[in-house]
Amino acid sequence: MLIFEYTKKEVIHVFHNNEEEMHKNIQKLKEEGWSDNVRMSVTGVPLFHMRILDEDEFKQNYPNVTVHADEKSSSSFGEKYVYYTTHERKMIQRKIIQNHKTKKEGEL
């Protein structure tokens, strides 16, 4: 095995009250050295909504975050969601070249 880079990252998860606030917050975070939103679907589409299954519990844990109802939902109750993003920034990055020998079975 050849390790050629070592990186430590900070990760933050951010709730936003509305779309406009989210865009302003993302811009501010990027100015502070954070990445753009890194939440992606398996097909690579950026994700900005997080579905809320238990609205009462969510509001109890995060009382200052606005929960939105999706009017287009096929559910008669509408889907509840919040604006949610994830951001990263590198703390430490070193280029290293280090050979690691893996132990063979039976070796200590």
PDB file of N, CA and C in Angstrom:
ATOM      1  N   MET A   1       0.854  -1.163   0.000  1.00  0.00           N
ATOM      2  CA  MET A   1       0.000   0.000   0.000  1.00  0.00           C
ATOM      3  C   MET A   1       0.903   1.229   0.000  1.00  0.00           C
ATOM      4  N   LEU A   2       0.533   2.229  -0.768  1.00  0.00           N
ATOM      5  CA  LEU A   2       1.288   3.476  -0.859  1.00  0.00           C
ATOM      6  C   LEU A   2       0.372   4.633  -0.490  1.00  0.00           C
ATOM      7  N   ILE A   3       0.643   5.277   0.637  1.00  0.00           N
ATOM      8  CA  ILE A   3      -0.133   6.447   1.052  1.00  0.00           C
ATOM      9  C   ILE A   3       0.578   7.668   0.506  1.00  0.00           C
ATOM     10  N   PHE A   4      -0.109   8.481  -0.287  1.00  0.00           N
ATOM     11  CA  PHE A   4       0.539   9.636  -0.903  1.00  0.00           C
ATOM     12  C   PHE A   4       0.004  10.967  -0.394  1.00  0.00           C
ATOM     13  N   GLU A   5      -1.091  10.950   0.374  1.00  0.00           N
ATOM     14  CA  GLU A   5      -1.630  12.197   0.903  1.00  0.00           C
ATOM     15  C   GLU A   5      -2.373  11.919   2.197  1.00  0.00           C
ATOM     16  N   TYR A   6      -2.264  12.850   3.115  1.00  0.00           N
ATOM     17  CA  TYR A   6      -2.933  12.761   4.408  1.00  0.00           C
ATOM     18  C   TYR A   6      -3.692  14.064   4.617  1.00  0.00           C
ATOM     19  N   THR A   7      -5.003  13.985   4.844  1.00  0.00           N
ATOM     20  CA  THR A   7      -5.820  15.184   5.003  1.00  0.00           C
ATOM     21  C   THR A   7      -6.767  15.015   6.187  1.00  0.00           C
ATOM     22  N   LYS A   8      -6.849  16.057   7.023  1.00  0.00           N
ATOM     23  CA  LYS A   8      -7.873  16.120   8.063  1.00  0.00           C
ATOM     24  C   LYS A   8      -8.812  17.238   7.669  1.00  0.00           C
ATOM     25  N   LYS A   9     -10.111  17.008   7.867  1.00  0.00           N
ATOM     26  CA  LYS A   9     -11.114  18.006   7.490  1.00  0.00           C
ATOM     27  C   LYS A   9     -12.022  18.311   8.671  1.00  0.00           C
ATOM     28  N   GLU A  10     -12.491  19.548   8.700  1.00  0.00           N
ATOM     29  CA  GLU A  10     -13.576  19.932   9.593  1.00  0.00           C
ATOM     30  C   GLU A  10     -14.855  19.837   8.769  1.00  0.00           C
ATOM     31  N   VAL A  11     -15.917  19.398   9.396  1.00  0.00           N
ATOM     32  CA  VAL A  11     -17.211  19.296   8.718  1.00  0.00           C
ATOM     33  C   VAL A  11     -18.258  19.963   9.606  1.00  0.00           C
ATOM     34  N   ILE A  12     -19.086  20.812   8.988  1.00  0.00           N
ATOM     35  CA  ILE A  12     -20.207  21.416   9.712  1.00  0.00           C
ATOM     36  C   ILE A  12     -21.507  21.102   8.968  1.00  0.00           C
ATOM     37  N   HIS A  13     -22.571  20.954   9.732  1.00  0.00           N
ATOM     38  CA  HIS A  13     -23.910  20.714   9.198  1.00  0.00           C
ATOM     39  C   HIS A  13     -24.748  21.919   9.605  1.00  0.00           C
ATOM     40  N   VAL A  14     -25.405  22.555   8.633  1.00  0.00           N
ATOM     41  CA  VAL A  14     -26.047  23.849   8.870  1.00  0.00           C
ATOM     42  C   VAL A  14     -27.527  23.802   8.478  1.00  0.00           C
ATOM     43  N   PHE A  15     -28.398  24.242   9.400  1.00  0.00           N
ATOM     44  CA  PHE A  15     -29.808  24.461   9.090  1.00  0.00           C
ATOM     45  C   PHE A  15     -29.981  25.925   8.709  1.00  0.00           C
ATOM     46  N   HIS A  16     -30.874  26.187   7.747  1.00  0.00           N
ATOM     47  CA  HIS A  16     -31.184  27.550   7.311  1.00  0.00           C
ATOM     48  C   HIS A  16     -32.699  27.718   7.372  1.00  0.00           C
ATOM     49  N   ASN A  17     -33.173  28.918   7.640  1.00  0.00           N
ATOM     50  CA  ASN A  17     -34.614  29.145   7.782  1.00  0.00           C
ATOM     51  C   ASN A  17     -35.358  29.280   6.462  1.00  0.00           C
ATOM     52  N   ASN A  18     -34.665  29.680   5.401  1.00  0.00           N
ATOM     53  CA  ASN A  18     -35.309  29.794   4.093  1.00  0.00           C
ATOM     54  C   ASN A  18     -34.229  29.781   3.017  1.00  0.00           C
ATOM     55  N   GLU A  19     -34.657  29.758   1.776  1.00  0.00           N
ATOM     56  CA  GLU A  19     -33.712  29.643   0.666  1.00  0.00           C
ATOM     57  C   GLU A  19     -32.799  30.861   0.550  1.00  0.00           C
ATOM     58  N   GLU A  20     -33.356  32.040   0.733  1.00  0.00           N
ATOM     59  CA  GLU A  20     -32.545  33.264   0.632  1.00  0.00           C
ATOM     60  C   GLU A  20     -31.454  33.279   1.709  1.00  0.00           C
ATOM     61  N   GLU A  21     -31.847  32.949   2.938  1.00  0.00           N
ATOM     62  CA  GLU A  21     -30.871  32.889   4.031  1.00  0.00           C
ATOM     63  C   GLU A  21     -29.800  31.847   3.736  1.00  0.00           C
ATOM     64  N   MET A  22     -30.210  30.707   3.179  1.00  0.00           N
ATOM     65  CA  MET A  22     -29.267  29.645   2.853  1.00  0.00           C
ATOM     66  C   MET A  22     -28.195  30.146   1.888  1.00  0.00           C
ATOM     67  N   HIS A  23     -28.603  30.847   0.820  1.00  0.00           N
ATOM     68  CA  HIS A  23     -27.633  31.340  -0.159  1.00  0.00           C
ATOM     69  C   HIS A  23     -26.675  32.351   0.475  1.00  0.00           C
ATOM     70  N   LYS A  24     -27.193  33.219   1.330  1.00  0.00           N
ATOM     71  CA  LYS A  24     -26.333  34.189   2.029  1.00  0.00           C
ATOM     72  C   LYS A  24     -25.359  33.475   2.964  1.00  0.00           C
ATOM     73  N   ASN A  25     -25.855  32.493   3.698  1.00  0.00           N
ATOM     74  CA  ASN A  25     -24.999  31.745   4.620  1.00  0.00           C
ATOM     75  C   ASN A  25     -23.908  30.980   3.881  1.00  0.00           C
ATOM     76  N   ILE A  26     -24.266  30.362   2.764  1.00  0.00           N
ATOM     77  CA  ILE A  26     -23.273  29.619   1.985  1.00  0.00           C
ATOM     78  C   ILE A  26     -22.192  30.563   1.481  1.00  0.00           C
ATOM     79  N   GLN A  27     -22.579  31.730   0.995  1.00  0.00           N
ATOM     80  CA  GLN A  27     -21.593  32.706   0.517  1.00  0.00           C
ATOM     81  C   GLN A  27     -20.655  33.122   1.650  1.00  0.00           C
ATOM     82  N   LYS A  28     -21.219  33.387   2.822  1.00  0.00           N
ATOM     83  CA  LYS A  28     -20.405  33.779   3.980  1.00  0.00           C
ATOM     84  C   LYS A  28     -19.454  32.653   4.374  1.00  0.00           C
ATOM     85  N   LEU A  29     -19.948  31.429   4.390  1.00  0.00           N
ATOM     86  CA  LEU A  29     -19.102  30.287   4.743  1.00  0.00           C
ATOM     87  C   LEU A  29     -17.957  30.121   3.745  1.00  0.00           C
ATOM     88  N   LYS A  30     -18.254  30.288   2.459  1.00  0.00           N
ATOM     89  CA  LYS A  30     -17.209  30.173   1.439  1.00  0.00           C
ATOM     90  C   LYS A  30     -16.142  31.247   1.632  1.00  0.00           C
ATOM     91  N   GLU A  31     -16.550  32.459   2.014  1.00  0.00           N
ATOM     92  CA  GLU A  31     -15.589  33.535   2.289  1.00  0.00           C
ATOM     93  C   GLU A  31     -14.711  33.201   3.491  1.00  0.00           C
ATOM     94  N   GLU A  32     -15.223  32.379   4.401  1.00  0.00           N
ATOM     95  CA  GLU A  32     -14.474  31.968   5.590  1.00  0.00           C
ATOM     96  C   GLU A  32     -13.654  30.701   5.354  1.00  0.00           C
ATOM     97  N   GLY A  33     -13.618  30.231   4.109  1.00  0.00           N
ATOM     98  CA  GLY A  33     -12.787  29.077   3.786  1.00  0.00           C
ATOM     99  C   GLY A  33     -13.491  27.738   3.761  1.00  0.00           C
ATOM    100  N   TRP A  34     -14.803  27.745   3.947  1.00  0.00           N
ATOM    101  CA  TRP A  34     -15.560  26.497   3.891  1.00  0.00           C
ATOM    102  C   TRP A  34     -15.920  26.187   2.440  1.00  0.00           C
ATOM    103  N   SER A  35     -16.184  24.931   2.168  1.00  0.00           N
ATOM    104  CA  SER A  35     -16.588  24.513   0.825  1.00  0.00           C
ATOM    105  C   SER A  35     -18.027  24.919   0.554  1.00  0.00           C
ATOM    106  N   ASP A  36     -18.428  24.777  -0.695  1.00  0.00           N
ATOM    107  CA  ASP A  36     -19.838  24.881  -1.052  1.00  0.00           C
ATOM    108  C   ASP A  36     -20.537  23.675  -0.415  1.00  0.00           C
ATOM    109  N   ASN A  37     -21.819  23.562  -0.537  1.00  0.00           N
ATOM    110  CA  ASN A  37     -22.557  22.426  -0.002  1.00  0.00           C
ATOM    111  C   ASN A  37     -22.019  21.129  -0.608  1.00  0.00           C
ATOM    112  N   VAL A  38     -21.684  20.152   0.239  1.00  0.00           N
ATOM    113  CA  VAL A  38     -21.170  18.876  -0.258  1.00  0.00           C
ATOM    114  C   VAL A  38     -22.201  17.754  -0.169  1.00  0.00           C
ATOM    115  N   ARG A  39     -23.423  18.058   0.255  1.00  0.00           N
ATOM    116  CA  ARG A  39     -24.478  17.033   0.287  1.00  0.00           C
ATOM    117  C   ARG A  39     -24.929  16.765  -1.137  1.00  0.00           C
ATOM    118  N   MET A  40     -24.796  15.519  -1.574  1.00  0.00           N
ATOM    119  CA  MET A  40     -25.138  15.143  -2.947  1.00  0.00           C
ATOM    120  C   MET A  40     -25.956  13.856  -2.949  1.00  0.00           C
ATOM    121  N   SER A  41     -26.800  13.742  -3.957  1.00  0.00           N
ATOM    122  CA  SER A  41     -27.515  12.488  -4.171  1.00  0.00           C
ATOM    123  C   SER A  41     -26.538  11.496  -4.791  1.00  0.00           C
ATOM    124  N   VAL A  42     -26.954  10.253  -4.926  1.00  0.00           N
ATOM    125  CA  VAL A  42     -26.082   9.250  -5.539  1.00  0.00           C
ATOM    126  C   VAL A  42     -25.787   9.567  -6.995  1.00  0.00           C
ATOM    127  N   THR A  43     -26.611  10.396  -7.619  1.00  0.00           N
ATOM    128  CA  THR A  43     -26.368  10.779  -9.014  1.00  0.00           C
ATOM    129  C   THR A  43     -25.600  12.092  -9.128  1.00  0.00           C
ATOM    130  N   GLY A  44     -25.227  12.685  -7.982  1.00  0.00           N
ATOM    131  CA  GLY A  44     -24.426  13.900  -8.004  1.00  0.00           C
ATOM    132  C   GLY A  44     -25.207  15.198  -7.968  1.00  0.00           C
ATOM    133  N   VAL A  45     -26.501  15.124  -7.723  1.00  0.00           N
ATOM    134  CA  VAL A  45     -27.333  16.326  -7.644  1.00  0.00           C
ATOM    135  C   VAL A  45     -27.217  16.914  -6.232  1.00  0.00           C
ATOM    136  N   PRO A  46     -26.942  18.222  -6.098  1.00  0.00           N
ATOM    137  CA  PRO A  46     -26.846  18.823  -4.764  1.00  0.00           C
ATOM    138  C   PRO A  46     -28.165  18.704  -3.998  1.00  0.00           C
ATOM    139  N   LEU A  47     -28.066  18.408  -2.710  1.00  0.00           N
ATOM    140  CA  LEU A  47     -29.237  18.287  -1.847  1.00  0.00           C
ATOM    141  C   LEU A  47     -29.282  19.474  -0.891  1.00  0.00           C
ATOM    142  N   PHE A  48     -30.430  20.146  -0.828  1.00  0.00           N
ATOM    143  CA  PHE A  48     -30.591  21.305   0.041  1.00  0.00           C
ATOM    144  C   PHE A  48     -31.727  21.135   1.042  1.00  0.00           C
ATOM    145  N   HIS A  49     -32.567  20.121   0.857  1.00  0.00           N
ATOM    146  CA  HIS A  49     -33.692  19.881   1.763  1.00  0.00           C
ATOM    147  C   HIS A  49     -33.415  18.632   2.581  1.00  0.00           C
ATOM    148  N   MET A  50     -33.866  18.643   3.827  1.00  0.00           N
ATOM    149  CA  MET A  50     -33.847  17.438   4.645  1.00  0.00           C
ATOM    150  C   MET A  50     -35.277  17.190   5.096  1.00  0.00           C
ATOM    151  N   ARG A  51     -35.772  16.022   4.802  1.00  0.00           N
ATOM    152  CA  ARG A  51     -37.143  15.657   5.153  1.00  0.00           C
ATOM    153  C   ARG A  51     -37.266  15.487   6.667  1.00  0.00           C
ATOM    154  N   ILE A  52     -38.332  16.000   7.227  1.00  0.00           N
ATOM    155  CA  ILE A  52     -38.592  15.900   8.663  1.00  0.00           C
ATOM    156  C   ILE A  52     -39.704  14.879   8.880  1.00  0.00           C
ATOM    157  N   LEU A  53     -39.382  13.810   9.599  1.00  0.00           N
ATOM    158  CA  LEU A  53     -40.379  12.774   9.850  1.00  0.00           C
ATOM    159  C   LEU A  53     -41.218  13.075  11.092  1.00  0.00           C
ATOM    160  N   ASP A  54     -40.600  13.629  12.120  1.00  0.00           N
ATOM    161  CA  ASP A  54     -41.309  13.955  13.358  1.00  0.00           C
ATOM    162  C   ASP A  54     -41.123  15.445  13.635  1.00  0.00           C
ATOM    163  N   GLU A  55     -42.077  16.236  13.174  1.00  0.00           N
ATOM    164  CA  GLU A  55     -41.965  17.694  13.282  1.00  0.00           C
ATOM    165  C   GLU A  55     -41.896  18.163  14.733  1.00  0.00           C
ATOM    166  N   ASP A  56     -42.685  17.554  15.611  1.00  0.00           N
ATOM    167  CA  ASP A  56     -42.684  17.972  17.017  1.00  0.00           C
ATOM    168  C   ASP A  56     -41.315  17.749  17.659  1.00  0.00           C
ATOM    169  N   GLU A  57     -40.735  16.598  17.414  1.00  0.00           N
ATOM    170  CA  GLU A  57     -39.410  16.305  17.972  1.00  0.00           C
ATOM    171  C   GLU A  57     -38.360  17.259  17.399  1.00  0.00           C
ATOM    172  N   PHE A  58     -38.428  17.507  16.093  1.00  0.00           N
ATOM    173  CA  PHE A  58     -37.468  18.418  15.469  1.00  0.00           C
ATOM    174  C   PHE A  58     -37.579  19.815  16.078  1.00  0.00           C
ATOM    175  N   LYS A  59     -38.801  20.311  16.218  1.00  0.00           N
ATOM    176  CA  LYS A  59     -39.006  21.656  16.785  1.00  0.00           C
ATOM    177  C   LYS A  59     -38.562  21.729  18.245  1.00  0.00           C
ATOM    178  N   GLN A  60     -38.695  20.621  18.956  1.00  0.00           N
ATOM    179  CA  GLN A  60     -38.232  20.591  20.342  1.00  0.00           C
ATOM    180  C   GLN A  60     -36.705  20.693  20.389  1.00  0.00           C
ATOM    181  N   ASN A  61     -36.027  20.001  19.482  1.00  0.00           N
ATOM    182  CA  ASN A  61     -34.561  20.015  19.450  1.00  0.00           C
ATOM    183  C   ASN A  61     -33.994  21.284  18.820  1.00  0.00           C
ATOM    184  N   TYR A  62     -34.683  21.832  17.834  1.00  0.00           N
ATOM    185  CA  TYR A  62     -34.201  23.007  17.094  1.00  0.00           C
ATOM    186  C   TYR A  62     -35.333  24.039  16.977  1.00  0.00           C
ATOM    187  N   PRO A  63     -35.674  24.703  18.066  1.00  0.00           N
ATOM    188  CA  PRO A  63     -36.849  25.586  18.064  1.00  0.00           C
ATOM    189  C   PRO A  63     -36.721  26.809  17.160  1.00  0.00           C
ATOM    190  N   ASN A  64     -35.517  27.211  16.794  1.00  0.00           N
ATOM    191  CA  ASN A  64     -35.338  28.422  15.985  1.00  0.00           C
ATOM    192  C   ASN A  64     -35.213  28.140  14.494  1.00  0.00           C
ATOM    193  N   VAL A  65     -35.423  26.891  14.085  1.00  0.00           N
ATOM    194  CA  VAL A  65     -35.323  26.526  12.669  1.00  0.00           C
ATOM    195  C   VAL A  65     -36.726  26.399  12.089  1.00  0.00           C
ATOM    196  N   THR A  66     -36.947  27.030  10.943  1.00  0.00           N
ATOM    197  CA  THR A  66     -38.252  27.006  10.282  1.00  0.00           C
ATOM    198  C   THR A  66     -38.456  25.687   9.544  1.00  0.00           C
ATOM    199  N   VAL A  67     -39.579  25.029   9.810  1.00  0.00           N
ATOM    200  CA  VAL A  67     -39.961  23.806   9.101  1.00  0.00           C
ATOM    201  C   VAL A  67     -40.947  24.205   8.016  1.00  0.00           C
ATOM    202  N   HIS A  68     -40.708  23.730   6.796  1.00  0.00           N
ATOM    203  CA  HIS A  68     -41.537  24.077   5.644  1.00  0.00           C
ATOM    204  C   HIS A  68     -42.392  22.882   5.235  1.00  0.00           C
ATOM    205  N   ALA A  69     -43.546  23.161   4.640  1.00  0.00           N
ATOM    206  CA  ALA A  69     -44.416  22.116   4.104  1.00  0.00           C
ATOM    207  C   ALA A  69     -44.341  22.160   2.591  1.00  0.00           C
ATOM    208  N   ASP A  70     -44.128  21.008   1.979  1.00  0.00           N
ATOM    209  CA  ASP A  70     -44.068  20.927   0.520  1.00  0.00           C
ATOM    210  C   ASP A  70     -45.488  20.808  -0.016  1.00  0.00           C
ATOM    211  N   GLU A  71     -45.956  21.866  -0.635  1.00  0.00           N
ATOM    212  CA  GLU A  71     -47.328  21.902  -1.157  1.00  0.00           C
ATOM    213  C   GLU A  71     -47.514  20.946  -2.334  1.00  0.00           C
ATOM    214  N   LYS A  72     -46.433  20.583  -3.008  1.00  0.00           N
ATOM    215  CA  LYS A  72     -46.514  19.730  -4.195  1.00  0.00           C
ATOM    216  C   LYS A  72     -46.514  18.250  -3.848  1.00  0.00           C
ATOM    217  N   SER A  73     -46.392  17.926  -2.571  1.00  0.00           N
ATOM    218  CA  SER A  73     -46.297  16.536  -2.147  1.00  0.00           C
ATOM    219  C   SER A  73     -47.589  15.788  -2.461  1.00  0.00           C
ATOM    220  N   SER A  74     -47.453  14.517  -2.811  1.00  0.00           N
ATOM    221  CA  SER A  74     -48.628  13.694  -3.093  1.00  0.00           C
ATOM    222  C   SER A  74     -49.327  13.269  -1.797  1.00  0.00           C
ATOM    223  N   SER A  75     -48.635  13.388  -0.673  1.00  0.00           N
ATOM    224  CA  SER A  75     -49.227  13.056   0.619  1.00  0.00           C
ATOM    225  C   SER A  75     -50.289  14.095   0.975  1.00  0.00           C
ATOM    226  N   SER A  76     -51.383  13.649   1.581  1.00  0.00           N
ATOM    227  CA  SER A  76     -52.446  14.587   1.948  1.00  0.00           C
ATOM    228  C   SER A  76     -51.990  15.548   3.048  1.00  0.00           C
ATOM    229  N   PHE A  77     -50.948  15.176   3.790  1.00  0.00           N
ATOM    230  CA  PHE A  77     -50.432  16.033   4.855  1.00  0.00           C
ATOM    231  C   PHE A  77     -49.300  16.935   4.370  1.00  0.00           C
ATOM    232  N   GLY A  78     -48.765  16.659   3.212  1.00  0.00           N
ATOM    233  CA  GLY A  78     -47.615  17.424   2.723  1.00  0.00           C
ATOM    234  C   GLY A  78     -46.346  16.965   3.408  1.00  0.00           C
ATOM    235  N   GLU A  79     -45.263  16.988   2.692  1.00  0.00           N
ATOM    236  CA  GLU A  79     -43.977  16.611   3.260  1.00  0.00           C
ATOM    237  C   GLU A  79     -43.387  17.799   4.000  1.00  0.00           C
ATOM    238  N   LYS A  80     -42.834  17.560   5.145  1.00  0.00           N
ATOM    239  CA  LYS A  80     -42.173  18.603   5.933  1.00  0.00           C
ATOM    240  C   LYS A  80     -40.672  18.522   5.659  1.00  0.00           C
ATOM    241  N   TYR A  81     -40.030  19.692   5.546  1.00  0.00           N
ATOM    242  CA  TYR A  81     -38.588  19.712   5.294  1.00  0.00           C
ATOM    243  C   TYR A  81     -37.973  20.980   5.862  1.00  0.00           C
ATOM    244  N   VAL A  82     -36.652  20.951   5.996  1.00  0.00           N
ATOM    245  CA  VAL A  82     -35.877  22.134   6.370  1.00  0.00           C
ATOM    246  C   VAL A  82     -34.757  22.288   5.349  1.00  0.00           C
ATOM    247  N   TYR A  83     -34.229  23.490   5.254  1.00  0.00           N
ATOM    248  CA  TYR A  83     -33.055  23.734   4.425  1.00  0.00           C
ATOM    249  C   TYR A  83     -31.830  23.317   5.235  1.00  0.00           C
ATOM    250  N   TYR A  84     -30.988  22.474   4.626  1.00  0.00           N
ATOM    251  CA  TYR A  84     -29.886  21.848   5.354  1.00  0.00           C
ATOM    252  C   TYR A  84     -28.712  21.649   4.410  1.00  0.00           C
ATOM    253  N   THR A  85     -27.528  22.101   4.813  1.00  0.00           N
ATOM    254  CA  THR A  85     -26.331  21.931   3.989  1.00  0.00           C
ATOM    255  C   THR A  85     -25.184  21.408   4.844  1.00  0.00           C
ATOM    256  N   THR A  86     -24.189  20.847   4.182  1.00  0.00           N
ATOM    257  CA  THR A  86     -22.982  20.340   4.828  1.00  0.00           C
ATOM    258  C   THR A  86     -21.779  20.963   4.141  1.00  0.00           C
ATOM    259  N   HIS A  87     -20.811  21.382   4.941  1.00  0.00           N
ATOM    260  CA  HIS A  87     -19.637  22.079   4.404  1.00  0.00           C
ATOM    261  C   HIS A  87     -18.370  21.512   5.033  1.00  0.00           C
ATOM    262  N   GLU A  88     -17.275  21.555   4.279  1.00  0.00           N
ATOM    263  CA  GLU A  88     -15.988  21.046   4.749  1.00  0.00           C
ATOM    264  C   GLU A  88     -14.910  22.094   4.549  1.00  0.00           C
ATOM    265  N   ARG A  89     -13.853  21.972   5.341  1.00  0.00           N
ATOM    266  CA  ARG A  89     -12.630  22.714   5.050  1.00  0.00           C
ATOM    267  C   ARG A  89     -11.460  21.900   5.588  1.00  0.00           C
ATOM    268  N   LYS A  90     -10.358  21.996   4.872  1.00  0.00           N
ATOM    269  CA  LYS A  90      -9.173  21.231   5.237  1.00  0.00           C
ATOM    270  C   LYS A  90      -8.490  21.874   6.423  1.00  0.00           C
ATOM    271  N   MET A  91      -8.123  21.065   7.384  1.00  0.00           N
ATOM    272  CA  MET A  91      -7.361  21.536   8.534  1.00  0.00           C
ATOM    273  C   MET A  91      -5.876  21.276   8.296  1.00  0.00           C
ATOM    274  N   ILE A  92      -5.574  20.059   7.884  1.00  0.00           N
ATOM    275  CA  ILE A  92      -4.193  19.631   7.665  1.00  0.00           C
ATOM    276  C   ILE A  92      -4.148  18.858   6.359  1.00  0.00           C
ATOM    277  N   GLN A  93      -3.181  19.182   5.551  1.00  0.00           N
ATOM    278  CA  GLN A  93      -2.971  18.387   4.348  1.00  0.00           C
ATOM    279  C   GLN A  93      -1.470  18.269   4.142  1.00  0.00           C
ATOM    280  N   ARG A  94      -1.015  17.049   4.045  1.00  0.00           N
ATOM    281  CA  ARG A  94       0.404  16.806   3.807  1.00  0.00           C
ATOM    282  C   ARG A  94       0.542  15.805   2.685  1.00  0.00           C
ATOM    283  N   LYS A  95       1.455  16.096   1.799  1.00  0.00           N
ATOM    284  CA  LYS A  95       1.809  15.118   0.778  1.00  0.00           C
ATOM    285  C   LYS A  95       2.859  14.219   1.399  1.00  0.00           C
ATOM    286  N   ILE A  96       2.589  12.952   1.435  1.00  0.00           N
ATOM    287  CA  ILE A  96       3.560  12.008   1.977  1.00  0.00           C
ATOM    288  C   ILE A  96       3.657  10.817   1.053  1.00  0.00           C
ATOM    289  N   ILE A  97       4.785  10.245   1.056  1.00  0.00           N
ATOM    290  CA  ILE A  97       4.950   8.984   0.342  1.00  0.00           C
ATOM    291  C   ILE A  97       5.467   8.009   1.372  1.00  0.00           C
ATOM    292  N   GLN A  98       4.651   7.046   1.682  1.00  0.00           N
ATOM    293  CA  GLN A  98       4.991   6.106   2.731  1.00  0.00           C
ATOM    294  C   GLN A  98       4.482   4.736   2.320  1.00  0.00           C
ATOM    295  N   ASN A  99       5.384   3.807   2.274  1.00  0.00           N
ATOM    296  CA  ASN A  99       4.994   2.435   1.979  1.00  0.00           C
ATOM    297  C   ASN A  99       4.559   1.762   3.263  1.00  0.00           C
ATOM    298  N   HIS A 100       3.411   1.158   3.232  1.00  0.00           N
ATOM    299  CA  HIS A 100       2.932   0.372   4.362  1.00  0.00           C
ATOM    300  C   HIS A 100       2.950  -1.076   3.946  1.00  0.00           C
ATOM    301  N   LYS A 101       3.625  -1.866   4.738  1.00  0.00           N
ATOM    302  CA  LYS A 101       3.612  -3.300   4.481  1.00  0.00           C
ATOM    303  C   LYS A 101       2.499  -3.893   5.326  1.00  0.00           C
ATOM    304  N   THR A 102       1.637  -4.618   4.683  1.00  0.00           N
ATOM    305  CA  THR A 102       0.572  -5.272   5.431  1.00  0.00           C
ATOM    306  C   THR A 102       1.113  -6.571   5.988  1.00  0.00           C
ATOM    307  N   LYS A 103       0.651  -6.906   7.168  1.00  0.00           N
ATOM    308  CA  LYS A 103       1.115  -8.134   7.809  1.00  0.00           C
ATOM    309  C   LYS A 103       0.459  -9.329   7.137  1.00  0.00           C
ATOM    310  N   LYS A 104       1.258 -10.334   6.949  1.00  0.00           N
ATOM    311  CA  LYS A 104       0.724 -11.566   6.383  1.00  0.00           C
ATOM    312  C   LYS A 104       0.026 -12.347   7.482  1.00  0.00           C
ATOM    313  N   GLU A 105      -0.851 -13.208   7.075  1.00  0.00           N
ATOM    314  CA  GLU A 105      -1.597 -14.009   8.035  1.00  0.00           C
ATOM    315  C   GLU A 105      -0.628 -14.792   8.907  1.00  0.00           C
ATOM    316  N   GLY A 106      -0.839 -14.770  10.205  1.00  0.00           N
ATOM    317  CA  GLY A 106       0.021 -15.492  11.135  1.00  0.00           C
ATOM    318  C   GLY A 106       1.124 -14.635  11.725  1.00  0.00           C
ATOM    319  N   GLU A 107       1.410 -13.441  11.152  1.00  0.00           N
ATOM    320  CA  GLU A 107       2.438 -12.559  11.704  1.00  0.00           C
ATOM    321  C   GLU A 107       1.836 -11.705  12.807  1.00  0.00           C
ATOM    322  N   LEU A 108       2.649 -11.303  13.748  1.00  0.00           N
ATOM    323  CA  LEU A 108       2.203 -10.414  14.822  1.00  0.00           C
ATOM    324  C   LEU A 108       2.663  -9.014  14.578  1.00  0.00           C
TER     325      LEU A 108
END
